[in-house]
Amino acid sequence: MLGDSPFVGFLLVTDAARAKQFYCDVLGLPLRHEDDYAVVVDAGGTPLRLAIVPQVPEPAGTNAGWLVDDLHTSVRALTAAGITFERFPGMAQDSDGVWSPSPDGGGVAWFRDPDGNRLSLTQDS
């Protein structure tokens, strides 16, 4: 039913200017639109609506993520831009914070935006 309909992603943020700076300036996502209710960026051809709310709840898992061609290069570039990647107790992560569940490549690394949304980078094997 919705297979041919474009998808829109949503994340909650508390400060539009701070979200715009992080998503546009740090992550490099182009601004599509902003108003009193949200900042909308282009996340690889998909609109990502950063909806302004009074408080963002602690995520139970990953809120949004990107598929990348070279995970370690992407992690290192974002680390150089000031992003800290998360470490999880009991999860075998390498020095970049990458968890690789299979020996044939691929992996995932997680980081947070200024409002605490958990974001990820994934490389398929």
PDB file of N, CA and C in Angstrom:
ATOM      1  N   MET A   1       0.812  -1.195   0.000  1.00  0.00           N
ATOM      2  CA  MET A   1       0.000   0.000   0.000  1.00  0.00           C
ATOM      3  C   MET A   1       0.860   1.266   0.000  1.00  0.00           C
ATOM      4  N   LEU A   2       1.921   1.314   0.828  1.00  0.00           N
ATOM      5  CA  LEU A   2       2.757   2.510   0.883  1.00  0.00           C
ATOM      6  C   LEU A   2       4.080   2.324   0.161  1.00  0.00           C
ATOM      7  N   GLY A   3       4.268   1.215  -0.517  1.00  0.00           N
ATOM      8  CA  GLY A   3       5.528   0.904  -1.172  1.00  0.00           C
ATOM      9  C   GLY A   3       6.002   1.926  -2.182  1.00  0.00           C
ATOM     10  N   ASP A   4       5.097   2.656  -2.795  1.00  0.00           N
ATOM     11  CA  ASP A   4       5.479   3.663  -3.784  1.00  0.00           C
ATOM     12  C   ASP A   4       5.420   5.085  -3.230  1.00  0.00           C
ATOM     13  N   SER A   5       5.121   5.208  -1.952  1.00  0.00           N
ATOM     14  CA  SER A   5       5.022   6.534  -1.333  1.00  0.00           C
ATOM     15  C   SER A   5       6.352   6.922  -0.694  1.00  0.00           C
ATOM     16  N   PRO A   6       6.788   8.173  -0.861  1.00  0.00           N
ATOM     17  CA  PRO A   6       8.037   8.606  -0.243  1.00  0.00           C
ATOM     18  C   PRO A   6       7.967   8.532   1.279  1.00  0.00           C
ATOM     19  N   PHE A   7       9.087   8.198   1.883  1.00  0.00           N
ATOM     20  CA  PHE A   7       9.205   8.088   3.329  1.00  0.00           C
ATOM     21  C   PHE A   7       9.720   9.400   3.898  1.00  0.00           C
ATOM     22  N   VAL A   8       9.247   9.774   5.081  1.00  0.00           N
ATOM     23  CA  VAL A   8       9.729  10.934   5.820  1.00  0.00           C
ATOM     24  C   VAL A   8      10.169  10.450   7.191  1.00  0.00           C
ATOM     25  N   GLY A   9      11.394  10.798   7.599  1.00  0.00           N
ATOM     26  CA  GLY A   9      11.880  10.447   8.927  1.00  0.00           C
ATOM     27  C   GLY A   9      11.600  11.574   9.908  1.00  0.00           C
ATOM     28  N   PHE A  10      11.448  11.227  11.184  1.00  0.00           N
ATOM     29  CA  PHE A  10      11.192  12.208  12.235  1.00  0.00           C
ATOM     30  C   PHE A  10      12.131  11.970  13.402  1.00  0.00           C
ATOM     31  N   LEU A  11      12.680  13.034  13.933  1.00  0.00           N
ATOM     32  CA  LEU A  11      13.415  13.011  15.191  1.00  0.00           C
ATOM     33  C   LEU A  11      12.921  14.192  16.017  1.00  0.00           C
ATOM     34  N   LEU A  12      12.946  14.036  17.327  1.00  0.00           N
ATOM     35  CA  LEU A  12      12.532  15.111  18.218  1.00  0.00           C
ATOM     36  C   LEU A  12      13.755  15.895  18.673  1.00  0.00           C
ATOM     37  N   VAL A  13      13.633  17.220  18.699  1.00  0.00           N
ATOM     38  CA  VAL A  13      14.702  18.100  19.169  1.00  0.00           C
ATOM     39  C   VAL A  13      14.093  19.205  20.020  1.00  0.00           C
ATOM     40  N   THR A  14      14.903  19.801  20.885  1.00  0.00           N
ATOM     41  CA  THR A  14      14.402  20.864  21.757  1.00  0.00           C
ATOM     42  C   THR A  14      14.838  22.255  21.319  1.00  0.00           C
ATOM     43  N   ASP A  15      15.886  22.347  20.513  1.00  0.00           N
ATOM     44  CA  ASP A  15      16.453  23.629  20.138  1.00  0.00           C
ATOM     45  C   ASP A  15      16.721  23.623  18.634  1.00  0.00           C
ATOM     46  N   ALA A  16      15.924  24.392  17.893  1.00  0.00           N
ATOM     47  CA  ALA A  16      16.013  24.385  16.432  1.00  0.00           C
ATOM     48  C   ALA A  16      17.384  24.847  15.936  1.00  0.00           C
ATOM     49  N   ALA A  17      17.919  25.897  16.511  1.00  0.00           N
ATOM     50  CA  ALA A  17      19.212  26.416  16.057  1.00  0.00           C
ATOM     51  C   ALA A  17      20.328  25.405  16.304  1.00  0.00           C
ATOM     52  N   ARG A  18      20.309  24.785  17.459  1.00  0.00           N
ATOM     53  CA  ARG A  18      21.326  23.778  17.794  1.00  0.00           C
ATOM     54  C   ARG A  18      21.196  22.561  16.887  1.00  0.00           C
ATOM     55  N   ALA A  19      19.963  22.125  16.621  1.00  0.00           N
ATOM     56  CA  ALA A  19      19.740  20.977  15.736  1.00  0.00           C
ATOM     57  C   ALA A  19      20.197  21.303  14.319  1.00  0.00           C
ATOM     58  N   LYS A  20      19.868  22.495  13.858  1.00  0.00           N
ATOM     59  CA  LYS A  20      20.274  22.911  12.513  1.00  0.00           C
ATOM     60  C   LYS A  20      21.799  22.935  12.406  1.00  0.00           C
ATOM     61  N   GLN A  21      22.471  23.450  13.408  1.00  0.00           N
ATOM     62  CA  GLN A  21      23.932  23.499  13.391  1.00  0.00           C
ATOM     63  C   GLN A  21      24.506  22.089  13.342  1.00  0.00           C
ATOM     64  N   PHE A  22      23.984  21.176  14.144  1.00  0.00           N
ATOM     65  CA  PHE A  22      24.500  19.808  14.192  1.00  0.00           C
ATOM     66  C   PHE A  22      24.231  19.067  12.888  1.00  0.00           C
ATOM     67  N   TYR A  23      22.982  19.051  12.463  1.00  0.00           N
ATOM     68  CA  TYR A  23      22.615  18.256  11.283  1.00  0.00           C
ATOM     69  C   TYR A  23      23.141  18.860   9.978  1.00  0.00           C
ATOM     70  N   CYS A  24      23.128  20.180   9.878  1.00  0.00           N
ATOM     71  CA  CYS A  24      23.595  20.812   8.637  1.00  0.00           C
ATOM     72  C   CYS A  24      25.109  21.028   8.634  1.00  0.00           C
ATOM     73  N   ASP A  25      25.635  21.629   9.696  1.00  0.00           N
ATOM     74  CA  ASP A  25      27.054  21.987   9.704  1.00  0.00           C
ATOM     75  C   ASP A  25      27.974  20.819  10.060  1.00  0.00           C
ATOM     76  N   VAL A  26      27.613  20.028  11.056  1.00  0.00           N
ATOM     77  CA  VAL A  26      28.477  18.916  11.471  1.00  0.00           C
ATOM     78  C   VAL A  26      28.269  17.695  10.583  1.00  0.00           C
ATOM     79  N   LEU A  27      27.013  17.271  10.398  1.00  0.00           N
ATOM     80  CA  LEU A  27      26.746  16.077   9.592  1.00  0.00           C
ATOM     81  C   LEU A  27      26.699  16.377   8.096  1.00  0.00           C
ATOM     82  N   GLY A  28      26.529  17.629   7.728  1.00  0.00           N
ATOM     83  CA  GLY A  28      26.546  18.005   6.316  1.00  0.00           C
ATOM     84  C   GLY A  28      25.263  17.747   5.550  1.00  0.00           C
ATOM     85  N   LEU A  29      24.127  17.693   6.251  1.00  0.00           N
ATOM     86  CA  LEU A  29      22.846  17.464   5.575  1.00  0.00           C
ATOM     87  C   LEU A  29      22.276  18.802   5.105  1.00  0.00           C
ATOM     88  N   PRO A  30      21.859  18.886   3.848  1.00  0.00           N
ATOM     89  CA  PRO A  30      21.308  20.145   3.332  1.00  0.00           C
ATOM     90  C   PRO A  30      19.967  20.496   3.990  1.00  0.00           C
ATOM     91  N   LEU A  31      19.794  21.769   4.258  1.00  0.00           N
ATOM     92  CA  LEU A  31      18.533  22.268   4.814  1.00  0.00           C
ATOM     93  C   LEU A  31      17.484  22.284   3.719  1.00  0.00           C
ATOM     94  N   ARG A  32      16.309  21.717   4.000  1.00  0.00           N
ATOM     95  CA  ARG A  32      15.186  21.758   3.055  1.00  0.00           C
ATOM     96  C   ARG A  32      14.200  22.860   3.415  1.00  0.00           C
ATOM     97  N   HIS A  33      13.951  23.005   4.729  1.00  0.00           N
ATOM     98  CA  HIS A  33      12.895  23.920   5.174  1.00  0.00           C
ATOM     99  C   HIS A  33      13.021  24.090   6.683  1.00  0.00           C
ATOM    100  N   GLU A  34      12.610  25.233   7.166  1.00  0.00           N
ATOM    101  CA  GLU A  34      12.459  25.413   8.613  1.00  0.00           C
ATOM    102  C   GLU A  34      11.318  26.366   8.896  1.00  0.00           C
ATOM    103  N   ASP A  35      10.641  26.120  10.004  1.00  0.00           N
ATOM    104  CA  ASP A  35       9.558  26.983  10.445  1.00  0.00           C
ATOM    105  C   ASP A  35       9.506  26.929  11.966  1.00  0.00           C
ATOM    106  N   ASP A  36       8.432  27.397  12.563  1.00  0.00           N
ATOM    107  CA  ASP A  36       8.327  27.427  14.021  1.00  0.00           C
ATOM    108  C   ASP A  36       8.179  26.045  14.647  1.00  0.00           C
ATOM    109  N   TYR A  37       7.933  25.028  13.834  1.00  0.00           N
ATOM    110  CA  TYR A  37       7.641  23.699  14.358  1.00  0.00           C
ATOM    111  C   TYR A  37       8.739  22.673  14.105  1.00  0.00           C
ATOM    112  N   ALA A  38       9.579  22.921  13.095  1.00  0.00           N
ATOM    113  CA  ALA A  38      10.583  21.922  12.742  1.00  0.00           C
ATOM    114  C   ALA A  38      11.656  22.503  11.835  1.00  0.00           C
ATOM    115  N   VAL A  39      12.769  21.779  11.814  1.00  0.00           N
ATOM    116  CA  VAL A  39      13.823  21.981  10.826  1.00  0.00           C
ATOM    117  C   VAL A  39      13.798  20.714   9.980  1.00  0.00           C
ATOM    118  N   VAL A  40      13.739  20.867   8.667  1.00  0.00           N
ATOM    119  CA  VAL A  40      13.703  19.705   7.782  1.00  0.00           C
ATOM    120  C   VAL A  40      14.993  19.690   6.967  1.00  0.00           C
ATOM    121  N   VAL A  41      15.718  18.573   7.050  1.00  0.00           N
ATOM    122  CA  VAL A  41      16.963  18.414   6.310  1.00  0.00           C
ATOM    123  C   VAL A  41      16.803  17.276   5.310  1.00  0.00           C
ATOM    124  N   ASP A  42      17.719  17.231   4.354  1.00  0.00           N
ATOM    125  CA  ASP A  42      17.726  16.167   3.355  1.00  0.00           C
ATOM    126  C   ASP A  42      18.714  15.108   3.803  1.00  0.00           C
ATOM    127  N   ALA A  43      18.225  13.942   4.149  1.00  0.00           N
ATOM    128  CA  ALA A  43      19.066  12.830   4.614  1.00  0.00           C
ATOM    129  C   ALA A  43      19.202  11.820   3.482  1.00  0.00           C
ATOM    130  N   GLY A  44      20.080  12.120   2.534  1.00  0.00           N
ATOM    131  CA  GLY A  44      20.308  11.206   1.420  1.00  0.00           C
ATOM    132  C   GLY A  44      19.108  11.034   0.516  1.00  0.00           C
ATOM    133  N   GLY A  45      18.350  12.111   0.302  1.00  0.00           N
ATOM    134  CA  GLY A  45      17.172  12.050  -0.559  1.00  0.00           C
ATOM    135  C   GLY A  45      15.876  11.848   0.205  1.00  0.00           C
ATOM    136  N   THR A  46      15.967  11.610   1.500  1.00  0.00           N
ATOM    137  CA  THR A  46      14.790  11.435   2.342  1.00  0.00           C
ATOM    138  C   THR A  46      14.660  12.632   3.267  1.00  0.00           C
ATOM    139  N   PRO A  47      13.482  13.257   3.329  1.00  0.00           N
ATOM    140  CA  PRO A  47      13.331  14.347   4.278  1.00  0.00           C
ATOM    141  C   PRO A  47      13.386  13.831   5.711  1.00  0.00           C
ATOM    142  N   LEU A  48      14.158  14.510   6.537  1.00  0.00           N
ATOM    143  CA  LEU A  48      14.252  14.196   7.960  1.00  0.00           C
ATOM    144  C   LEU A  48      13.748  15.415   8.715  1.00  0.00           C
ATOM    145  N   ARG A  49      12.589  15.265   9.329  1.00  0.00           N
ATOM    146  CA  ARG A  49      11.931  16.364  10.038  1.00  0.00           C
ATOM    147  C   ARG A  49      12.368  16.347  11.498  1.00  0.00           C
ATOM    148  N   LEU A  50      13.059  17.399  11.904  1.00  0.00           N
ATOM    149  CA  LEU A  50      13.522  17.563  13.274  1.00  0.00           C
ATOM    150  C   LEU A  50      12.462  18.386  13.993  1.00  0.00           C
ATOM    151  N   ALA A  51      11.507  17.693  14.593  1.00  0.00           N
ATOM    152  CA  ALA A  51      10.345  18.325  15.204  1.00  0.00           C
ATOM    153  C   ALA A  51      10.709  18.914  16.563  1.00  0.00           C
ATOM    154  N   ILE A  52      10.340  20.164  16.778  1.00  0.00           N
ATOM    155  CA  ILE A  52      10.685  20.878  18.003  1.00  0.00           C
ATOM    156  C   ILE A  52       9.660  20.550  19.087  1.00  0.00           C
ATOM    157  N   VAL A  53      10.174  20.044  20.215  1.00  0.00           N
ATOM    158  CA  VAL A  53       9.336  19.651  21.343  1.00  0.00           C
ATOM    159  C   VAL A  53       9.982  20.178  22.635  1.00  0.00           C
ATOM    160  N   PRO A  54       9.238  20.206  23.738  1.00  0.00           N
ATOM    161  CA  PRO A  54       9.818  20.691  24.996  1.00  0.00           C
ATOM    162  C   PRO A  54      10.878  19.756  25.596  1.00  0.00           C
ATOM    163  N   GLN A  55      10.736  18.448  25.361  1.00  0.00           N
ATOM    164  CA  GLN A  55      11.661  17.481  25.965  1.00  0.00           C
ATOM    165  C   GLN A  55      11.758  16.254  25.066  1.00  0.00           C
ATOM    166  N   VAL A  56      12.971  15.711  24.954  1.00  0.00           N
ATOM    167  CA  VAL A  56      13.204  14.507  24.156  1.00  0.00           C
ATOM    168  C   VAL A  56      13.415  13.340  25.102  1.00  0.00           C
ATOM    169  N   PRO A  57      12.632  12.261  24.977  1.00  0.00           N
ATOM    170  CA  PRO A  57      12.810  11.108  25.864  1.00  0.00           C
ATOM    171  C   PRO A  57      14.098  10.341  25.543  1.00  0.00           C
ATOM    172  N   GLU A  58      14.629   9.666  26.522  1.00  0.00           N
ATOM    173  CA  GLU A  58      15.797   8.807  26.335  1.00  0.00           C
ATOM    174  C   GLU A  58      15.416   7.684  25.371  1.00  0.00           C
ATOM    175  N   PRO A  59      16.207   7.466  24.329  1.00  0.00           N
ATOM    176  CA  PRO A  59      15.845   6.419  23.366  1.00  0.00           C
ATOM    177  C   PRO A  59      16.045   5.010  23.927  1.00  0.00           C
ATOM    178  N   ALA A  60      15.169   4.117  23.524  1.00  0.00           N
ATOM    179  CA  ALA A  60      15.297   2.713  23.914  1.00  0.00           C
ATOM    180  C   ALA A  60      16.208   1.963  22.953  1.00  0.00           C
ATOM    181  N   GLY A  61      16.473   2.555  21.813  1.00  0.00           N
ATOM    182  CA  GLY A  61      17.319   1.937  20.795  1.00  0.00           C
ATOM    183  C   GLY A  61      17.832   3.012  19.860  1.00  0.00           C
ATOM    184  N   THR A  62      18.084   2.635  18.631  1.00  0.00           N
ATOM    185  CA  THR A  62      18.575   3.577  17.632  1.00  0.00           C
ATOM    186  C   THR A  62      17.398   4.317  17.006  1.00  0.00           C
ATOM    187  N   ASN A  63      17.509   5.649  16.923  1.00  0.00           N
ATOM    188  CA  ASN A  63      16.436   6.467  16.355  1.00  0.00           C
ATOM    189  C   ASN A  63      16.514   6.588  14.843  1.00  0.00           C
ATOM    190  N   ALA A  64      17.726   6.683  14.308  1.00  0.00           N
ATOM    191  CA  ALA A  64      17.914   6.869  12.864  1.00  0.00           C
ATOM    192  C   ALA A  64      19.358   6.505  12.524  1.00  0.00           C
ATOM    193  N   GLY A  65      19.590   6.188  11.266  1.00  0.00           N
ATOM    194  CA  GLY A  65      20.955   5.835  10.885  1.00  0.00           C
ATOM    195  C   GLY A  65      21.193   5.980   9.402  1.00  0.00           C
ATOM    196  N   TRP A  66      22.459   5.896   9.052  1.00  0.00           N
ATOM    197  CA  TRP A  66      22.887   6.030   7.666  1.00  0.00           C
ATOM    198  C   TRP A  66      23.701   4.818   7.259  1.00  0.00           C
ATOM    199  N   LEU A  67      23.501   4.361   6.029  1.00  0.00           N
ATOM    200  CA  LEU A  67      24.344   3.329   5.424  1.00  0.00           C
ATOM    201  C   LEU A  67      25.525   4.036   4.783  1.00  0.00           C
ATOM    202  N   VAL A  68      26.720   3.585   5.093  1.00  0.00           N
ATOM    203  CA  VAL A  68      27.925   4.201   4.546  1.00  0.00           C
ATOM    204  C   VAL A  68      28.763   3.141   3.842  1.00  0.00           C
ATOM    205  N   ASP A  69      29.576   3.573   2.890  1.00  0.00           N
ATOM    206  CA  ASP A  69      30.426   2.655   2.139  1.00  0.00           C
ATOM    207  C   ASP A  69      31.649   2.223   2.929  1.00  0.00           C
ATOM    208  N   ASP A  70      32.211   3.130   3.737  1.00  0.00           N
ATOM    209  CA  ASP A  70      33.404   2.825   4.522  1.00  0.00           C
ATOM    210  C   ASP A  70      33.171   3.302   5.945  1.00  0.00           C
ATOM    211  N   LEU A  71      32.791   2.379   6.801  1.00  0.00           N
ATOM    212  CA  LEU A  71      32.388   2.710   8.163  1.00  0.00           C
ATOM    213  C   LEU A  71      33.513   3.372   8.953  1.00  0.00           C
ATOM    214  N   HIS A  72      34.697   2.793   8.915  1.00  0.00           N
ATOM    215  CA  HIS A  72      35.798   3.352   9.704  1.00  0.00           C
ATOM    216  C   HIS A  72      36.185   4.755   9.236  1.00  0.00           C
ATOM    217  N   THR A  73      36.189   4.989   7.945  1.00  0.00           N
ATOM    218  CA  THR A  73      36.502   6.322   7.432  1.00  0.00           C
ATOM    219  C   THR A  73      35.443   7.320   7.881  1.00  0.00           C
ATOM    220  N   SER A  74      34.176   6.931   7.835  1.00  0.00           N
ATOM    221  CA  SER A  74      33.082   7.810   8.261  1.00  0.00           C
ATOM    222  C   SER A  74      33.162   8.092   9.754  1.00  0.00           C
ATOM    223  N   VAL A  75      33.425   7.066  10.553  1.00  0.00           N
ATOM    224  CA  VAL A  75      33.545   7.255  12.003  1.00  0.00           C
ATOM    225  C   VAL A  75      34.699   8.207  12.311  1.00  0.00           C
ATOM    226  N   ARG A  76      35.820   8.013  11.668  1.00  0.00           N
ATOM    227  CA  ARG A  76      36.985   8.874  11.932  1.00  0.00           C
ATOM    228  C   ARG A  76      36.726  10.314  11.510  1.00  0.00           C
ATOM    229  N   ALA A  77      36.020  10.510  10.406  1.00  0.00           N
ATOM    230  CA  ALA A  77      35.703  11.871   9.959  1.00  0.00           C
ATOM    231  C   ALA A  77      34.771  12.565  10.961  1.00  0.00           C
ATOM    232  N   LEU A  78      33.772  11.855  11.444  1.00  0.00           N
ATOM    233  CA  LEU A  78      32.855  12.449  12.422  1.00  0.00           C
ATOM    234  C   LEU A  78      33.546  12.655  13.767  1.00  0.00           C
ATOM    235  N   THR A  79      34.439  11.756  14.135  1.00  0.00           N
ATOM    236  CA  THR A  79      35.208  11.926  15.372  1.00  0.00           C
ATOM    237  C   THR A  79      36.059  13.195  15.267  1.00  0.00           C
ATOM    238  N   ALA A  80      36.673  13.411  14.113  1.00  0.00           N
ATOM    239  CA  ALA A  80      37.468  14.625  13.896  1.00  0.00           C
ATOM    240  C   ALA A  80      36.606  15.880  13.955  1.00  0.00           C
ATOM    241  N   ALA A  81      35.312  15.749  13.656  1.00  0.00           N
ATOM    242  CA  ALA A  81      34.377  16.878  13.723  1.00  0.00           C
ATOM    243  C   ALA A  81      33.818  17.077  15.126  1.00  0.00           C
ATOM    244  N   GLY A  82      34.285  16.262  16.093  1.00  0.00           N
ATOM    245  CA  GLY A  82      33.876  16.440  17.480  1.00  0.00           C
ATOM    246  C   GLY A  82      32.833  15.478  17.995  1.00  0.00           C
ATOM    247  N   ILE A  83      32.452  14.507  17.195  1.00  0.00           N
ATOM    248  CA  ILE A  83      31.441  13.542  17.630  1.00  0.00           C
ATOM    249  C   ILE A  83      32.104  12.409  18.402  1.00  0.00           C
ATOM    250  N   THR A  84      31.464  12.012  19.502  1.00  0.00           N
ATOM    251  CA  THR A  84      31.937  10.896  20.314  1.00  0.00           C
ATOM    252  C   THR A  84      31.054   9.687  20.035  1.00  0.00           C
ATOM    253  N   PHE A  85      31.666   8.578  19.733  1.00  0.00           N
ATOM    254  CA  PHE A  85      30.912   7.351  19.480  1.00  0.00           C
ATOM    255  C   PHE A  85      30.712   6.589  20.776  1.00  0.00           C
ATOM    256  N   GLU A  86      29.546   5.982  20.891  1.00  0.00           N
ATOM    257  CA  GLU A  86      29.168   5.289  22.122  1.00  0.00           C
ATOM    258  C   GLU A  86      29.866   3.943  22.261  1.00  0.00           C
ATOM    259  N   ARG A  87      30.095   3.571  23.499  1.00  0.00           N
ATOM    260  CA  ARG A  87      30.637   2.254  23.858  1.00  0.00           C
ATOM    261  C   ARG A  87      29.593   1.575  24.739  1.00  0.00           C
ATOM    262  N   PHE A  88      29.376   0.298  24.488  1.00  0.00           N
ATOM    263  CA  PHE A  88      28.381  -0.450  25.248  1.00  0.00           C
ATOM    264  C   PHE A  88      29.051  -1.594  25.997  1.00  0.00           C
ATOM    265  N   PRO A  89      28.829  -1.706  27.293  1.00  0.00           N
ATOM    266  CA  PRO A  89      29.422  -2.797  28.079  1.00  0.00           C
ATOM    267  C   PRO A  89      29.022  -4.159  27.509  1.00  0.00           C
ATOM    268  N   GLY A  90      29.997  -5.038  27.409  1.00  0.00           N
ATOM    269  CA  GLY A  90      29.733  -6.397  26.943  1.00  0.00           C
ATOM    270  C   GLY A  90      29.654  -6.539  25.437  1.00  0.00           C
ATOM    271  N   MET A  91      29.790  -5.440  24.702  1.00  0.00           N
ATOM    272  CA  MET A  91      29.734  -5.500  23.247  1.00  0.00           C
ATOM    273  C   MET A  91      31.158  -5.299  22.721  1.00  0.00           C
ATOM    274  N   ALA A  92      31.607  -6.225  21.901  1.00  0.00           N
ATOM    275  CA  ALA A  92      32.965  -6.158  21.358  1.00  0.00           C
ATOM    276  C   ALA A  92      33.044  -5.089  20.274  1.00  0.00           C
ATOM    277  N   GLN A  93      33.546  -3.917  20.652  1.00  0.00           N
ATOM    278  CA  GLN A  93      33.708  -2.811  19.718  1.00  0.00           C
ATOM    279  C   GLN A  93      35.198  -2.533  19.547  1.00  0.00           C
ATOM    280  N   ASP A  94      35.597  -2.177  18.334  1.00  0.00           N
ATOM    281  CA  ASP A  94      37.016  -1.917  18.095  1.00  0.00           C
ATOM    282  C   ASP A  94      37.395  -0.511  18.577  1.00  0.00           C
ATOM    283  N   SER A  95      38.619  -0.091  18.272  1.00  0.00           N
ATOM    284  CA  SER A  95      39.122   1.191  18.765  1.00  0.00           C
ATOM    285  C   SER A  95      38.336   2.391  18.244  1.00  0.00           C
ATOM    286  N   ASP A  96      37.632   2.239  17.127  1.00  0.00           N
ATOM    287  CA  ASP A  96      36.780   3.310  16.598  1.00  0.00           C
ATOM    288  C   ASP A  96      35.358   3.269  17.177  1.00  0.00           C
ATOM    289  N   GLY A  97      35.058   2.244  17.962  1.00  0.00           N
ATOM    290  CA  GLY A  97      33.701   2.091  18.488  1.00  0.00           C
ATOM    291  C   GLY A  97      32.800   1.291  17.576  1.00  0.00           C
ATOM    292  N   VAL A  98      33.391   0.607  16.593  1.00  0.00           N
ATOM    293  CA  VAL A  98      32.617  -0.172  15.625  1.00  0.00           C
ATOM    294  C   VAL A  98      32.388  -1.582  16.153  1.00  0.00           C
ATOM    295  N   TRP A  99      31.135  -2.010  16.096  1.00  0.00           N
ATOM    296  CA  TRP A  99      30.776  -3.389  16.429  1.00  0.00           C
ATOM    297  C   TRP A  99      30.595  -4.137  15.120  1.00  0.00           C
ATOM    298  N   SER A 100      31.335  -5.207  14.957  1.00  0.00           N
ATOM    299  CA  SER A 100      31.251  -6.031  13.746  1.00  0.00           C
ATOM    300  C   SER A 100      30.748  -7.414  14.132  1.00  0.00           C
ATOM    301  N   PRO A 101      29.464  -7.673  13.905  1.00  0.00           N
ATOM    302  CA  PRO A 101      28.890  -8.944  14.335  1.00  0.00           C
ATOM    303  C   PRO A 101      29.321 -10.148  13.511  1.00  0.00           C
ATOM    304  N   SER A 102      29.847  -9.918  12.305  1.00  0.00           N
ATOM    305  CA  SER A 102      30.264 -11.055  11.504  1.00  0.00           C
ATOM    306  C   SER A 102      31.685 -10.835  10.993  1.00  0.00           C
ATOM    307  N   PRO A 103      32.448 -11.901  10.828  1.00  0.00           N
ATOM    308  CA  PRO A 103      33.838 -11.766  10.406  1.00  0.00           C
ATOM    309  C   PRO A 103      34.004 -11.358   8.940  1.00  0.00           C
ATOM    310  N   ASP A 104      32.933 -11.388   8.152  1.00  0.00           N
ATOM    311  CA  ASP A 104      33.063 -11.052   6.731  1.00  0.00           C
ATOM    312  C   ASP A 104      32.810  -9.579   6.433  1.00  0.00           C
ATOM    313  N   GLY A 105      32.979  -8.722   7.425  1.00  0.00           N
ATOM    314  CA  GLY A 105      32.881  -7.282   7.198  1.00  0.00           C
ATOM    315  C   GLY A 105      31.594  -6.687   7.700  1.00  0.00           C
ATOM    316  N   GLY A 106      31.463  -5.418   7.449  1.00  0.00           N
ATOM    317  CA  GLY A 106      30.285  -4.701   7.913  1.00  0.00           C
ATOM    318  C   GLY A 106      30.425  -4.298   9.365  1.00  0.00           C
ATOM    319  N   GLY A 107      29.426  -3.650   9.875  1.00  0.00           N
ATOM    320  CA  GLY A 107      29.440  -3.241  11.264  1.00  0.00           C
ATOM    321  C   GLY A 107      28.552  -2.040  11.490  1.00  0.00           C
ATOM    322  N   VAL A 108      28.513  -1.635  12.761  1.00  0.00           N
ATOM    323  CA  VAL A 108      27.681  -0.516  13.189  1.00  0.00           C
ATOM    324  C   VAL A 108      28.448   0.289  14.226  1.00  0.00           C
ATOM    325  N   ALA A 109      28.252   1.602  14.210  1.00  0.00           N
ATOM    326  CA  ALA A 109      28.772   2.487  15.249  1.00  0.00           C
ATOM    327  C   ALA A 109      27.671   3.486  15.596  1.00  0.00           C
ATOM    328  N   TRP A 110      27.581   3.852  16.864  1.00  0.00           N
ATOM    329  CA  TRP A 110      26.494   4.708  17.345  1.00  0.00           C
ATOM    330  C   TRP A 110      27.032   5.995  17.955  1.00  0.00           C
ATOM    331  N   PHE A 111      26.265   7.070  17.765  1.00  0.00           N
ATOM    332  CA  PHE A 111      26.584   8.355  18.378  1.00  0.00           C
ATOM    333  C   PHE A 111      25.280   9.071  18.681  1.00  0.00           C
ATOM    334  N   ARG A 112      25.378  10.170  19.407  1.00  0.00           N
ATOM    335  CA  ARG A 112      24.175  10.921  19.803  1.00  0.00           C
ATOM    336  C   ARG A 112      24.187  12.320  19.206  1.00  0.00           C
ATOM    337  N   ASP A 113      22.995  12.839  18.974  1.00  0.00           N
ATOM    338  CA  ASP A 113      22.886  14.244  18.603  1.00  0.00           C
ATOM    339  C   ASP A 113      22.810  15.059  19.895  1.00  0.00           C
ATOM    340  N   PRO A 114      22.792  16.386  19.822  1.00  0.00           N
ATOM    341  CA  PRO A 114      22.765  17.194  21.049  1.00  0.00           C
ATOM    342  C   PRO A 114      21.560  16.960  21.947  1.00  0.00           C
ATOM    343  N   ASP A 115      20.464  16.417  21.411  1.00  0.00           N
ATOM    344  CA  ASP A 115      19.282  16.131  22.224  1.00  0.00           C
ATOM    345  C   ASP A 115      19.250  14.703  22.751  1.00  0.00           C
ATOM    346  N   GLY A 116      20.273  13.911  22.440  1.00  0.00           N
ATOM    347  CA  GLY A 116      20.335  12.545  22.944  1.00  0.00           C
ATOM    348  C   GLY A 116      19.759  11.494  22.022  1.00  0.00           C
ATOM    349  N   ASN A 117      19.275  11.877  20.839  1.00  0.00           N
ATOM    350  CA  ASN A 117      18.819  10.870  19.888  1.00  0.00           C
ATOM    351  C   ASN A 117      20.012   9.979  19.523  1.00  0.00           C
ATOM    352  N   ARG A 118      19.796   8.675  19.541  1.00  0.00           N
ATOM    353  CA  ARG A 118      20.867   7.741  19.180  1.00  0.00           C
ATOM    354  C   ARG A 118      20.842   7.513  17.673  1.00  0.00           C
ATOM    355  N   LEU A 119      21.956   7.837  17.034  1.00  0.00           N
ATOM    356  CA  LEU A 119      22.095   7.737  15.592  1.00  0.00           C
ATOM    357  C   LEU A 119      23.161   6.680  15.291  1.00  0.00           C
ATOM    358  N   SER A 120      23.110   6.111  14.087  1.00  0.00           N
ATOM    359  CA  SER A 120      24.083   5.069  13.762  1.00  0.00           C
ATOM    360  C   SER A 120      24.626   5.236  12.359  1.00  0.00           C
ATOM    361  N   LEU A 121      25.786   4.642  12.164  1.00  0.00           N
ATOM    362  CA  LEU A 121      26.388   4.450  10.861  1.00  0.00           C
ATOM    363  C   LEU A 121      26.506   2.949  10.672  1.00  0.00           C
ATOM    364  N   THR A 122      26.117   2.437   9.523  1.00  0.00           N
ATOM    365  CA  THR A 122      26.170   1.008   9.248  1.00  0.00           C
ATOM    366  C   THR A 122      26.837   0.771   7.898  1.00  0.00           C
ATOM    367  N   GLN A 123      27.697  -0.229   7.882  1.00  0.00           N
ATOM    368  CA  GLN A 123      28.278  -0.703   6.616  1.00  0.00           C
ATOM    369  C   GLN A 123      27.856  -2.143   6.465  1.00  0.00           C
ATOM    370  N   ASP A 124      27.185  -2.440   5.351  1.00  0.00           N
ATOM    371  CA  ASP A 124      26.796  -3.819   5.076  1.00  0.00           C
ATOM    372  C   ASP A 124      28.030  -4.637   4.712  1.00  0.00           C
ATOM    373  N   SER A 125      27.978  -5.929   5.009  1.00  0.00           N
ATOM    374  CA  SER A 125      29.115  -6.794   4.660  1.00  0.00           C
ATOM    375  C   SER A 125      29.067  -7.211   3.209  1.00  0.00           C
TER     376      SER A 125
END
